Structure formats: structure tokens, C-alpha cells
C-alpha atoms as a PDB file:
ATOM      1  CA  MET A   1     117.373  65.589  91.271  1.00  0.00           C
ATOM      2  CA  THR A   2     119.904  68.018  92.752  1.00  0.00           C
ATOM      3  CA  TRP A   3     123.039  69.469  91.285  1.00  0.00           C
ATOM      4  CA  ILE A   4     125.430  71.555  93.433  1.00  0.00           C
ATOM      5  CA  ASN A   5     128.050  73.645  91.589  1.00  0.00           C
ATOM      6  CA  GLY A   6     127.583  71.356  88.550  1.00  0.00           C
ATOM      7  CA  GLN A   7     127.980  68.074  90.443  1.00  0.00           C
ATOM      8  CA  PHE A   8     125.169  65.608  91.073  1.00  0.00           C
ATOM      9  CA  GLN A   9     124.705  65.456  94.840  1.00  0.00           C
ATOM     10  CA  SER A  10     121.934  64.506  97.282  1.00  0.00           C
ATOM     11  CA  SER A  11     123.046  66.552 100.348  1.00  0.00           C
ATOM     12  CA  LEU A  12     124.844  69.728 101.383  1.00  0.00           C
ATOM     13  CA  PRO A  13     126.606  70.645 104.586  1.00  0.00           C
ATOM     14  CA  VAL A  14     124.445  71.746 107.566  1.00  0.00           C
ATOM     15  CA  SER A  15     126.804  74.699 107.896  1.00  0.00           C
ATOM     16  CA  ASP A  16     125.376  76.344 104.685  1.00  0.00           C
ATOM     17  CA  ARG A  17     124.311  79.844 105.377  1.00  0.00           C
ATOM     18  CA  GLY A  18     121.286  79.410 103.208  1.00  0.00           C
ATOM     19  CA  LEU A  19     119.955  77.063 105.840  1.00  0.00           C
ATOM     20  CA  ALA A  20     121.182  78.914 108.894  1.00  0.00           C
ATOM     21  CA  TYR A  21     120.159  82.458 107.870  1.00  0.00           C
ATOM     22  CA  GLY A  22     118.356  82.382 104.507  1.00  0.00           C
ATOM     23  CA  ASP A  23     121.548  83.989 103.116  1.00  0.00           C
ATOM     24  CA  GLY A  24     120.972  83.687  99.382  1.00  0.00           C
ATOM     25  CA  ILE A  25     118.681  84.110  96.454  1.00  0.00           C
ATOM     26  CA  PHE A  26     116.622  81.867  94.184  1.00  0.00           C
ATOM     27  CA  GLU A  27     114.726  81.740  90.862  1.00  0.00           C
ATOM     28  CA  THR A  28     112.010  79.443  89.592  1.00  0.00           C
ATOM     29  CA  ILE A  29     111.946  79.156  85.787  1.00  0.00           C
ATOM     30  CA  VAL A  30     109.709  77.272  83.343  1.00  0.00           C
ATOM     31  CA  CYS A  31     111.542  75.274  80.808  1.00  0.00           C
ATOM     32  CA  ILE A  32     109.602  74.394  77.552  1.00  0.00           C
ATOM     33  CA  ASN A  33     111.356  72.410  74.726  1.00  0.00           C
ATOM     34  CA  GLN A  34     114.789  73.047  76.248  1.00  0.00           C
ATOM     35  CA  LYS A  35     114.200  76.822  76.417  1.00  0.00           C
ATOM     36  CA  LEU A  36     114.149  78.793  79.689  1.00  0.00           C
ATOM     37  CA  HIS A  37     111.277  81.171  79.458  1.00  0.00           C
ATOM     38  CA  LEU A  38     112.276  84.848  79.844  1.00  0.00           C
ATOM     39  CA  TRP A  39     115.759  83.753  81.037  1.00  0.00           C
ATOM     40  CA  PHE A  40     117.242  87.248  80.509  1.00  0.00           C
ATOM     41  CA  ARG A  41     114.770  88.629  83.119  1.00  0.00           C
ATOM     42  CA  HIS A  42     115.571  85.880  85.618  1.00  0.00           C
ATOM     43  CA  TRP A  43     119.294  86.511  85.008  1.00  0.00           C
ATOM     44  CA  GLN A  44     118.826  90.252  85.558  1.00  0.00           C
ATOM     45  CA  ARG A  45     117.021  89.609  88.827  1.00  0.00           C
ATOM     46  CA  LEU A  46     119.739  87.172  89.963  1.00  0.00           C
ATOM     47  CA  GLN A  47     122.298  89.926  89.269  1.00  0.00           C
ATOM     48  CA  GLN A  48     120.275  92.447  91.223  1.00  0.00           C
ATOM     49  CA  GLY A  49     119.836  90.134  94.107  1.00  0.00           C
ATOM     50  CA  ALA A  50     123.558  89.351  94.187  1.00  0.00           C
ATOM     51  CA  LYS A  51     124.287  93.062  94.146  1.00  0.00           C
ATOM     52  CA  GLN A  52     121.896  93.840  97.026  1.00  0.00           C
ATOM     53  CA  LEU A  53     123.265  90.910  99.149  1.00  0.00           C
ATOM     54  CA  VAL A  54     126.895  91.452  97.998  1.00  0.00           C
ATOM     55  CA  LEU A  55     126.895  87.845  96.830  1.00  0.00           C
ATOM     56  CA  GLU A  56     129.106  86.302  94.116  1.00  0.00           C
ATOM     57  CA  LEU A  57     127.297  84.648  91.150  1.00  0.00           C
ATOM     58  CA  PRO A  58     128.690  82.079  88.798  1.00  0.00           C
ATOM     59  CA  GLU A  59     129.247  83.296  85.205  1.00  0.00           C
ATOM     60  CA  GLN A  60     126.052  83.243  83.170  1.00  0.00           C
ATOM     61  CA  GLN A  61     127.325  80.648  80.702  1.00  0.00           C
ATOM     62  CA  THR A  62     128.553  78.445  83.536  1.00  0.00           C
ATOM     63  CA  LEU A  63     125.105  78.612  85.144  1.00  0.00           C
ATOM     64  CA  LEU A  64     123.388  77.816  81.844  1.00  0.00           C
ATOM     65  CA  ASN A  65     125.746  74.862  81.278  1.00  0.00           C
ATOM     66  CA  TRP A  66     124.882  73.491  84.744  1.00  0.00           C
ATOM     67  CA  ILE A  67     121.151  73.852  84.066  1.00  0.00           C
ATOM     68  CA  GLU A  68     121.476  72.126  80.720  1.00  0.00           C
ATOM     69  CA  GLN A  69     123.414  69.307  82.431  1.00  0.00           C
ATOM     70  CA  ALA A  70     120.725  68.920  85.055  1.00  0.00           C
ATOM     71  CA  LEU A  71     117.886  68.909  82.412  1.00  0.00           C
ATOM     72  CA  ALA A  72     119.694  66.272  80.370  1.00  0.00           C
ATOM     73  CA  ASP A  73     119.338  63.782  83.196  1.00  0.00           C
ATOM     74  CA  LYS A  74     115.567  64.273  83.289  1.00  0.00           C
ATOM     75  CA  ASN A  75     113.480  61.622  81.444  1.00  0.00           C
ATOM     76  CA  ASN A  76     111.328  64.278  79.679  1.00  0.00           C
ATOM     77  CA  PRO A  77     113.055  67.652  79.807  1.00  0.00           C
ATOM     78  CA  SER A  78     110.704  69.268  77.210  1.00  0.00           C
ATOM     79  CA  LEU A  79     108.385  70.407  80.050  1.00  0.00           C
ATOM     80  CA  ALA A  80     109.926  71.157  83.454  1.00  0.00           C
ATOM     81  CA  VAL A  81     110.391  73.680  86.190  1.00  0.00           C
ATOM     82  CA  VAL A  82     113.951  74.612  87.074  1.00  0.00           C
ATOM     83  CA  LYS A  83     114.753  75.992  90.493  1.00  0.00           C
ATOM     84  CA  ILE A  84     118.057  77.797  91.117  1.00  0.00           C
ATOM     85  CA  ILE A  85     119.277  78.503  94.658  1.00  0.00           C
ATOM     86  CA  ILE A  86     122.474  80.440  95.234  1.00  0.00           C
ATOM     87  CA  THR A  87     123.768  80.606  98.844  1.00  0.00           C
ATOM     88  CA  ARG A  88     126.854  82.270 100.279  1.00  0.00           C
ATOM     89  CA  GLY A  89     128.109  78.806 101.127  1.00  0.00           C
ATOM     90  CA  SER A  90     129.230  77.462 104.507  1.00  0.00           C
ATOM     91  CA  GLY A  91     130.115  79.557 107.567  1.00  0.00           C
ATOM     92  CA  GLY A  92     130.422  79.367 111.223  1.00  0.00           C
ATOM     93  CA  ARG A  93     128.090  80.488 114.020  1.00  0.00           C
ATOM     94  CA  GLY A  94     127.180  84.188 113.871  1.00  0.00           C
ATOM     95  CA  TYR A  95     125.868  86.529 111.222  1.00  0.00           C
ATOM     96  CA  LYS A  96     129.341  87.861 110.003  1.00  0.00           C
ATOM     97  CA  CYS A  97     130.113  86.613 106.514  1.00  0.00           C
ATOM     98  CA  PRO A  98     133.110  84.420 105.905  1.00  0.00           C
ATOM     99  CA  GLU A  99     136.204  86.372 104.826  1.00  0.00           C
ATOM    100  CA  GLN A 100     136.488  84.158 101.727  1.00  0.00           C
ATOM    101  CA  PRO A 101     132.980  82.838 101.018  1.00  0.00           C
ATOM    102  CA  GLN A 102     132.555  79.942  98.593  1.00  0.00           C
ATOM    103  CA  PRO A 103     129.037  80.293  97.232  1.00  0.00           C
ATOM    104  CA  ARG A 104     126.915  77.259  96.292  1.00  0.00           C
ATOM    105  CA  THR A 105     124.601  77.004  93.332  1.00  0.00           C
ATOM    106  CA  ILE A 106     121.877  74.448  93.803  1.00  0.00           C
ATOM    107  CA  ILE A 107     119.858  73.412  90.772  1.00  0.00           C
ATOM    108  CA  THR A 108     116.730  71.142  91.132  1.00  0.00           C
ATOM    109  CA  ILE A 109     114.422  69.952  88.334  1.00  0.00           C
ATOM    110  CA  HIS A 110     110.692  69.681  89.164  1.00  0.00           C
ATOM    111  CA  PRO A 111     107.657  68.292  87.336  1.00  0.00           C
ATOM    112  CA  TRP A 112     105.603  70.469  85.074  1.00  0.00           C
ATOM    113  CA  LEU A 113     102.529  71.814  86.847  1.00  0.00           C
ATOM    114  CA  GLU A 114      99.257  71.061  85.027  1.00  0.00           C
ATOM    115  CA  HIS A 115      96.622  73.782  84.938  1.00  0.00           C
ATOM    116  CA  ASN A 116      92.960  73.779  85.752  1.00  0.00           C
ATOM    117  CA  ASP A 117      91.095  75.212  82.816  1.00  0.00           C
ATOM    118  CA  ASN A 118      88.341  76.419  85.028  1.00  0.00           C
ATOM    119  CA  ASP A 119      90.755  78.556  87.075  1.00  0.00           C
ATOM    120  CA  TYR A 120      91.488  80.484  83.880  1.00  0.00           C
ATOM    121  CA  GLN A 121      88.045  80.512  82.394  1.00  0.00           C
ATOM    122  CA  GLN A 122      86.103  81.420  85.536  1.00  0.00           C
ATOM    123  CA  GLY A 123      88.823  83.021  87.661  1.00  0.00           C
ATOM    124  CA  ILE A 124      89.990  82.084  91.082  1.00  0.00           C
ATOM    125  CA  SER A 125      88.835  83.052  94.616  1.00  0.00           C
ATOM    126  CA  ALA A 126      91.353  84.960  96.742  1.00  0.00           C
ATOM    127  CA  ILE A 127      91.505  86.270 100.293  1.00  0.00           C
ATOM    128  CA  VAL A 128      93.099  89.178 101.954  1.00  0.00           C
ATOM    129  CA  CYS A 129      95.744  87.572 104.153  1.00  0.00           C
ATOM    130  CA  GLN A 130      96.182  88.417 107.798  1.00  0.00           C
ATOM    131  CA  THR A 131      99.903  87.892 107.492  1.00  0.00           C
ATOM    132  CA  CYS A 132     101.493  91.154 106.354  1.00  0.00           C
ATOM    133  CA  LEU A 133     104.775  92.067 104.698  1.00  0.00           C
ATOM    134  CA  SER A 134     107.550  93.769 106.611  1.00  0.00           C
ATOM    135  CA  LEU A 135     108.995  96.920 105.152  1.00  0.00           C
ATOM    136  CA  GLN A 136     112.616  96.512 104.170  1.00  0.00           C
ATOM    137  CA  PRO A 137     113.793  98.494 101.100  1.00  0.00           C
ATOM    138  CA  ALA A 138     117.144  96.766 101.205  1.00  0.00           C
ATOM    139  CA  LEU A 139     115.544  93.452 100.307  1.00  0.00           C
ATOM    140  CA  ALA A 140     112.629  94.690  98.134  1.00  0.00           C
ATOM    141  CA  GLY A 141     112.433  93.353  94.612  1.00  0.00           C
ATOM    142  CA  ILE A 142     114.678  90.270  94.841  1.00  0.00           C
ATOM    143  CA  LYS A 143     113.876  86.675  95.543  1.00  0.00           C
ATOM    144  CA  HIS A 144     115.919  86.181  98.695  1.00  0.00           C
ATOM    145  CA  LEU A 145     115.608  83.027 100.770  1.00  0.00           C
ATOM    146  CA  ASN A 146     113.806  84.568 103.767  1.00  0.00           C
ATOM    147  CA  ARG A 147     110.178  83.688 102.902  1.00  0.00           C
ATOM    148  CA  LEU A 148     108.568  82.934 106.273  1.00  0.00           C
ATOM    149  CA  GLU A 149     105.897  85.552 105.679  1.00  0.00           C
ATOM    150  CA  GLN A 150     104.833  83.687 102.535  1.00  0.00           C
ATOM    151  CA  VAL A 151     104.906  80.368 104.442  1.00  0.00           C
ATOM    152  CA  LEU A 152     102.475  81.710 106.967  1.00  0.00           C
ATOM    153  CA  ALA A 153     100.268  83.238 104.343  1.00  0.00           C
ATOM    154  CA  ALA A 154     100.261  79.967 102.377  1.00  0.00           C
ATOM    155  CA  GLN A 155      98.804  78.302 105.422  1.00  0.00           C
ATOM    156  CA  GLU A 156      96.027  80.846 105.372  1.00  0.00           C
ATOM    157  CA  LEU A 157      95.301  79.881 101.736  1.00  0.00           C
ATOM    158  CA  LEU A 158      95.192  76.194 102.656  1.00  0.00           C
ATOM    159  CA  ALA A 159      92.755  76.902 105.532  1.00  0.00           C
ATOM    160  CA  ASN A 160      90.502  78.914 103.307  1.00  0.00           C
ATOM    161  CA  ASN A 161      90.750  76.627 100.257  1.00  0.00           C
ATOM    162  CA  CYS A 162      92.005  79.494  98.062  1.00  0.00           C
ATOM    163  CA  ARG A 163      94.566  79.569  95.277  1.00  0.00           C
ATOM    164  CA  GLU A 164      96.018  83.013  96.022  1.00  0.00           C
ATOM    165  CA  GLY A 165      95.801  85.887  98.520  1.00  0.00           C
ATOM    166  CA  LEU A 166      96.562  89.546  98.743  1.00  0.00           C
ATOM    167  CA  MET A 167      99.408  90.606 101.039  1.00  0.00           C
ATOM    168  CA  LEU A 168      99.434  94.048 102.628  1.00  0.00           C
ATOM    169  CA  GLU A 169     102.237  96.087 104.064  1.00  0.00           C
ATOM    170  CA  CYS A 170     102.551  95.799 107.829  1.00  0.00           C
ATOM    171  CA  ALA A 171     101.127  98.879 109.649  1.00  0.00           C
ATOM    172  CA  PRO A 172     103.683 100.851 111.637  1.00  0.00           C
ATOM    173  CA  ALA A 173     101.969  99.664 114.819  1.00  0.00           C
ATOM    174  CA  ALA A 174      99.468  96.834 115.454  1.00  0.00           C
ATOM    175  CA  ASN A 175      96.969  99.270 117.129  1.00  0.00           C
ATOM    176  CA  ASP A 176      97.378 102.050 114.507  1.00  0.00           C
ATOM    177  CA  THR A 177      93.829 101.938 112.988  1.00  0.00           C
ATOM    178  CA  SER A 178      94.588 105.058 110.925  1.00  0.00           C
ATOM    179  CA  ALA A 179      97.300 103.257 108.837  1.00  0.00           C
ATOM    180  CA  LYS A 180      96.407 102.765 105.269  1.00  0.00           C
ATOM    181  CA  LYS A 181      96.023  99.152 103.981  1.00  0.00           C
ATOM    182  CA  ILE A 182      98.587  99.195 101.223  1.00  0.00           C
ATOM    183  CA  VAL A 183      98.514  96.145  98.932  1.00  0.00           C
ATOM    184  CA  THR A 184     101.904  94.874  97.687  1.00  0.00           C
ATOM    185  CA  GLU A 185     101.470  91.550  95.935  1.00  0.00           C
ATOM    186  CA  GLY A 186     100.032  87.994  96.112  1.00  0.00           C
ATOM    187  CA  VAL A 187     101.459  85.227  98.238  1.00  0.00           C
ATOM    188  CA  SER A 188     103.432  83.830  95.383  1.00  0.00           C
ATOM    189  CA  SER A 189     102.650  86.280  92.575  1.00  0.00           C
ATOM    190  CA  ASN A 190     102.352  89.919  91.571  1.00  0.00           C
ATOM    191  CA  LEU A 191      99.040  91.685  91.457  1.00  0.00           C
ATOM    192  CA  PHE A 192      97.422  93.808  88.746  1.00  0.00           C
ATOM    193  CA  PHE A 193      94.064  95.515  88.629  1.00  0.00           C
ATOM    194  CA  VAL A 194      92.121  97.476  86.022  1.00  0.00           C
ATOM    195  CA  SER A 195      89.926 100.498  86.553  1.00  0.00           C
ATOM    196  CA  ARG A 196      88.173 102.259  83.645  1.00  0.00           C
ATOM    197  CA  GLY A 197      90.429 100.655  81.137  1.00  0.00           C
ATOM    198  CA  GLN A 198      93.720 101.542  82.887  1.00  0.00           C
ATOM    199  CA  LEU A 199      96.079  98.952  84.228  1.00  0.00           C
ATOM    200  CA  PHE A 200      97.653  99.346  87.688  1.00  0.00           C
ATOM    201  CA  THR A 201     100.180  97.326  89.665  1.00  0.00           C
ATOM    202  CA  PRO A 202     101.750  98.094  93.097  1.00  0.00           C
ATOM    203  CA  GLU A 203     105.268  99.463  93.085  1.00  0.00           C
ATOM    204  CA  ILE A 204     107.994  97.306  94.668  1.00  0.00           C
ATOM    205  CA  THR A 205     109.831  99.807  96.905  1.00  0.00           C
ATOM    206  CA  TYR A 206     109.553  98.724 100.521  1.00  0.00           C
ATOM    207  CA  SER A 207     108.669  95.014 100.121  1.00  0.00           C
ATOM    208  CA  GLY A 208     107.595  92.447  97.647  1.00  0.00           C
ATOM    209  CA  ILE A 209     109.173  90.810  94.566  1.00  0.00           C
ATOM    210  CA  ASN A 210     109.708  92.447  91.170  1.00  0.00           C
ATOM    211  CA  GLY A 211     108.367  89.504  89.234  1.00  0.00           C
ATOM    212  CA  THR A 212     109.731  88.521  85.802  1.00  0.00           C
ATOM    213  CA  ILE A 213     106.222  88.312  84.346  1.00  0.00           C
ATOM    214  CA  ARG A 214     105.420  91.689  85.997  1.00  0.00           C
ATOM    215  CA  SER A 215     108.383  93.287  84.262  1.00  0.00           C
ATOM    216  CA  GLU A 216     107.438  91.659  80.994  1.00  0.00           C
ATOM    217  CA  LEU A 217     103.801  92.804  81.242  1.00  0.00           C
ATOM    218  CA  LEU A 218     104.756  96.397  81.916  1.00  0.00           C
ATOM    219  CA  GLU A 219     106.527  96.421  78.564  1.00  0.00           C
ATOM    220  CA  ARG A 220     103.930  94.502  76.602  1.00  0.00           C
ATOM    221  CA  ALA A 221     101.081  96.612  77.970  1.00  0.00           C
ATOM    222  CA  GLN A 222     102.863  99.726  76.707  1.00  0.00           C
ATOM    223  CA  ALA A 223     103.406  98.040  73.319  1.00  0.00           C
ATOM    224  CA  LEU A 224      99.767  97.205  73.157  1.00  0.00           C
ATOM    225  CA  GLY A 225      98.757 100.718  73.965  1.00  0.00           C
ATOM    226  CA  ILE A 226      97.227  99.892  77.315  1.00  0.00           C
ATOM    227  CA  PRO A 227      97.556 102.822  79.740  1.00  0.00           C
ATOM    228  CA  LEU A 228      99.337 101.767  82.916  1.00  0.00           C
ATOM    229  CA  ALA A 229     100.562 103.062  86.190  1.00  0.00           C
ATOM    230  CA  THR A 230     102.484 101.882  89.241  1.00  0.00           C
ATOM    231  CA  GLY A 231     102.092 103.217  92.743  1.00  0.00           C
ATOM    232  CA  ARG A 232     101.019 102.615  96.254  1.00  0.00           C
ATOM    233  CA  TYR A 233      97.421 101.448  96.331  1.00  0.00           C
ATOM    234  CA  GLU A 234      95.058 100.839  99.133  1.00  0.00           C
ATOM    235  CA  LEU A 235      92.981  97.672  99.440  1.00  0.00           C
ATOM    236  CA  GLN A 236      89.810  99.630  98.760  1.00  0.00           C
ATOM    237  CA  GLU A 237      91.089 100.619  95.305  1.00  0.00           C
ATOM    238  CA  ILE A 238      91.497  96.923  94.452  1.00  0.00           C
ATOM    239  CA  LEU A 239      88.075  96.162  95.828  1.00  0.00           C
ATOM    240  CA  ASN A 240      86.624  98.929  93.630  1.00  0.00           C
ATOM    241  CA  ALA A 241      88.427  97.821  90.479  1.00  0.00           C
ATOM    242  CA  ASP A 242      86.787  96.421  87.345  1.00  0.00           C
ATOM    243  CA  GLU A 243      89.076  93.430  87.036  1.00  0.00           C
ATOM    244  CA  VAL A 244      91.897  91.884  89.012  1.00  0.00           C
ATOM    245  CA  PHE A 245      94.503  89.285  88.151  1.00  0.00           C
ATOM    246  CA  PHE A 246      97.708  87.628  89.436  1.00  0.00           C
ATOM    247  CA  THR A 247     100.854  86.859  87.536  1.00  0.00           C
ATOM    248  CA  ASN A 248     103.880  84.641  88.098  1.00  0.00           C
ATOM    249  CA  SER A 249     106.480  82.704  86.098  1.00  0.00           C
ATOM    250  CA  ILE A 250     104.671  79.419  86.333  1.00  0.00           C
ATOM    251  CA  PHE A 251     100.951  80.113  85.686  1.00  0.00           C
ATOM    252  CA  GLY A 252     101.262  83.321  83.717  1.00  0.00           C
ATOM    253  CA  ILE A 253      98.179  85.477  83.986  1.00  0.00           C
ATOM    254  CA  LEU A 254      95.416  84.155  86.221  1.00  0.00           C
ATOM    255  CA  PRO A 255      92.137  86.135  86.578  1.00  0.00           C
ATOM    256  CA  VAL A 256      90.356  86.636  89.947  1.00  0.00           C
ATOM    257  CA  SER A 257      86.575  86.186  90.259  1.00  0.00           C
ATOM    258  CA  LYS A 258      86.276  86.948  94.015  1.00  0.00           C
ATOM    259  CA  ILE A 259      88.190  88.512  96.822  1.00  0.00           C
ATOM    260  CA  SER A 260      87.079  87.781 100.382  1.00  0.00           C
ATOM    261  CA  TYR A 261      88.084  90.319 103.051  1.00  0.00           C
ATOM    262  CA  GLN A 262      87.480  91.226 106.697  1.00  0.00           C
ATOM    263  CA  GLN A 263      88.267  87.612 107.552  1.00  0.00           C
ATOM    264  CA  GLY A 264      85.793  86.278 105.022  1.00  0.00           C
ATOM    265  CA  GLN A 265      82.808  88.251 106.191  1.00  0.00           C
ATOM    266  CA  ASN A 266      82.673  90.268 103.003  1.00  0.00           C
ATOM    267  CA  SER A 267      83.486  89.561  99.341  1.00  0.00           C
ATOM    268  CA  ARG A 268      83.896  91.438  96.102  1.00  0.00           C
ATOM    269  CA  HIS A 269      83.145  89.772  92.733  1.00  0.00           C
ATOM    270  CA  TYR A 270      84.749  90.679  89.433  1.00  0.00           C
ATOM    271  CA  GLN A 271      83.007  90.138  86.063  1.00  0.00           C
ATOM    272  CA  GLN A 272      85.233  91.824  83.522  1.00  0.00           C
ATOM    273  CA  ARG A 273      88.196  90.192  81.790  1.00  0.00           C
ATOM    274  CA  ASP A 274      88.922  92.599  78.868  1.00  0.00           C
ATOM    275  CA  VAL A 275      92.431  93.842  79.641  1.00  0.00           C
ATOM    276  CA  SER A 276      93.622  90.683  81.412  1.00  0.00           C
ATOM    277  CA  MET A 277      92.571  88.576  78.407  1.00  0.00           C
ATOM    278  CA  GLN A 278      94.286  90.929  76.000  1.00  0.00           C
ATOM    279  CA  LEU A 279      97.465  90.508  77.873  1.00  0.00           C
ATOM    280  CA  ALA A 280      96.962  86.803  78.410  1.00  0.00           C
ATOM    281  CA  LYS A 281      96.686  86.223  74.654  1.00  0.00           C
ATOM    282  CA  SER A 282     100.134  87.845  74.403  1.00  0.00           C
ATOM    283  CA  LEU A 283     101.792  85.831  77.122  1.00  0.00           C
ATOM    284  CA  ASN A 284      99.984  82.691  78.340  1.00  0.00           C
ATOM    285  CA  PRO A 285     100.464  80.545  75.192  1.00  0.00           C
ATOM    286  CA  GLU A 286     104.207  80.862  75.800  1.00  0.00           C
ATOM    287  CA  LEU A 287     103.708  78.999  79.040  1.00  0.00           C
ATOM    288  CA  GLN A 288     101.130  76.579  77.601  1.00  0.00           C
ATOM    289  CA  ARG A 289      98.450  78.161  79.769  1.00  0.00           C
ATOM    290  CA  PRO A 290      94.896  79.121  78.672  1.00  0.00           C
ATOM    291  CA  CYS A 291      94.271  82.684  77.485  1.00  0.00           C
ATOM    292  CA  GLN A 292      90.513  82.580  76.932  1.00  0.00           C
ATOM    293  CA  PHE A 293      88.722  83.936  79.935  1.00  0.00           C
ATOM    294  CA  ASN A 294      84.921  84.097  80.459  1.00  0.00           C
ATOM    295  CA  THR A 295      83.185  87.368  81.120  1.00  0.00           C
ATOM    296  CA  LEU A 296      80.814  86.583  83.961  1.00  0.00           C
END
């Protein structure tokens, strides 16, 4: 089901700049019992994305009304996933923006994603993706529509039968063996790791998405008295960590049991779940996800 600028439609013009250039932003939000989870954080990121792309947003209440209207047409709106796409609208050939752009807000409602208890209890297997993230500070943090790097990385996950993968910054040159392997995030998630009781997550400065759950956890960890830090961390620091977990707005906090690296020739296993479970007890029930992890 698709709504465009508050009207039920099944198509949009092929001249839309979101299709031609990825000229726009998007959000994916869990809706439980008619309530959008962490809406204020999604709205903040929409505002930040619009600012960085110089893109006009609809008024917040207008957007909420459109979402409510779209949910009302769903048979069971108590559990759903709402996707919002905002493009600059139609334009001609060439990169130059229209002098008077008419943005489009596209809202689609998707089925609730069931979880696998074992993924949460035992943890998931991950790989270090060969696809790397380009460095572009002007686009860092926001959910813009240019996601081909993640599309390529997702194909790696499928080929390796993995749920998630670590994405590294691209080295300055392909033959630069001295370049540090800096980890940025997961394919569709943010990454956290724990060493000696301290929580760490990569900073989002040159690439990556500033996830809504990531932002929320930084505040909740502080409230729970968990020491935390953000920075630029090399792959080896994650491999040496005591525990690792991924976060996103759909699955919440998901622990990692194994990371395979060097194209699967080596792997690192994680047995602790202490900090991740403490945070999961605070967050995952809100998303109707398990919060009891096994310590292996």
C-alpha cells in the first residue's frame, strides 16, 4: 500500500529525482499499537537529512496525519513497519535541482517482521564485508537514498548465509596495505562492542548512519551507569572485544556469537552477553523482541 503526499497511489512519475539520482531521504519505523517507536528521533534525523540535502520537509503534523491515514487502511495496524521516503520530486535531465522543486513524500506500510528466538538467545554469525564504505562527511549520519554499498554488502551476506556483516571504511588506495581497517557499522545496523565492561561504538563522521536506536542507547547507557565511548576503532579492536552486538530500529539489540574475517578463513567467537543484555532489557521489550541472551 503506497501513499504519495497523502493520496493513495500505485505509481509515481519516472522523472522523480529519487529514482534518477537517489535525491532524497528515508526512515523505517516500527509501529506498535498505533504508536511510532522513537518517533522524535526519526523526526530529528529527517530534519537533519533535509538540512544536509537542502530538501523541504512537510510539516511534522502533516506527515503524522499521512502516516495515520495510511495505517488506517491496513487490516491489522497494531503491528506494522512504516517506511517514509521523501524525494525532491520530479526534474529534468542533469544534476541541477529544479528552481521550484515539489518534494514527494511516499509512505508504505509493511508486514511486521517476526523474530527468531535463537538469534537473540545464542547470537548471530557475522562476516567482515569486502564491500567498503566511501568517505563522504556531507552525507554521513543521514539515511539518504544512495545505498548501493549496502546492496552489494547484502549480497555478501546472502552468499555467506549470515544475518549481518561489519562494514569498513574504504582505504585511501586499493594497494595501501598500511591503511587502518576502521569499522563503521553493520550492513543495516549500528555496531557496539564491549571491552572490560566499557561500551564502545564507532563515531559517525565520514560515513555511516546515526541510527535512532544508537542515539537512544547512548543516553540509556549513561543513565544505567555504563561507561561508554565513541571513536574510530580498528577491526582488531572488535575482534579482541568481550562482546559485540548490532542495533537497528526493527530488531533492537541483537548479540553476535561469531565474526568471520579474512574471507572466512578465520573467526572470532564471543561468549559474554552482560552489557548487551542489560541494555536489551531496557529496550527490546518495547519492540516486542527477546531480551534474555545466553552466556555461552
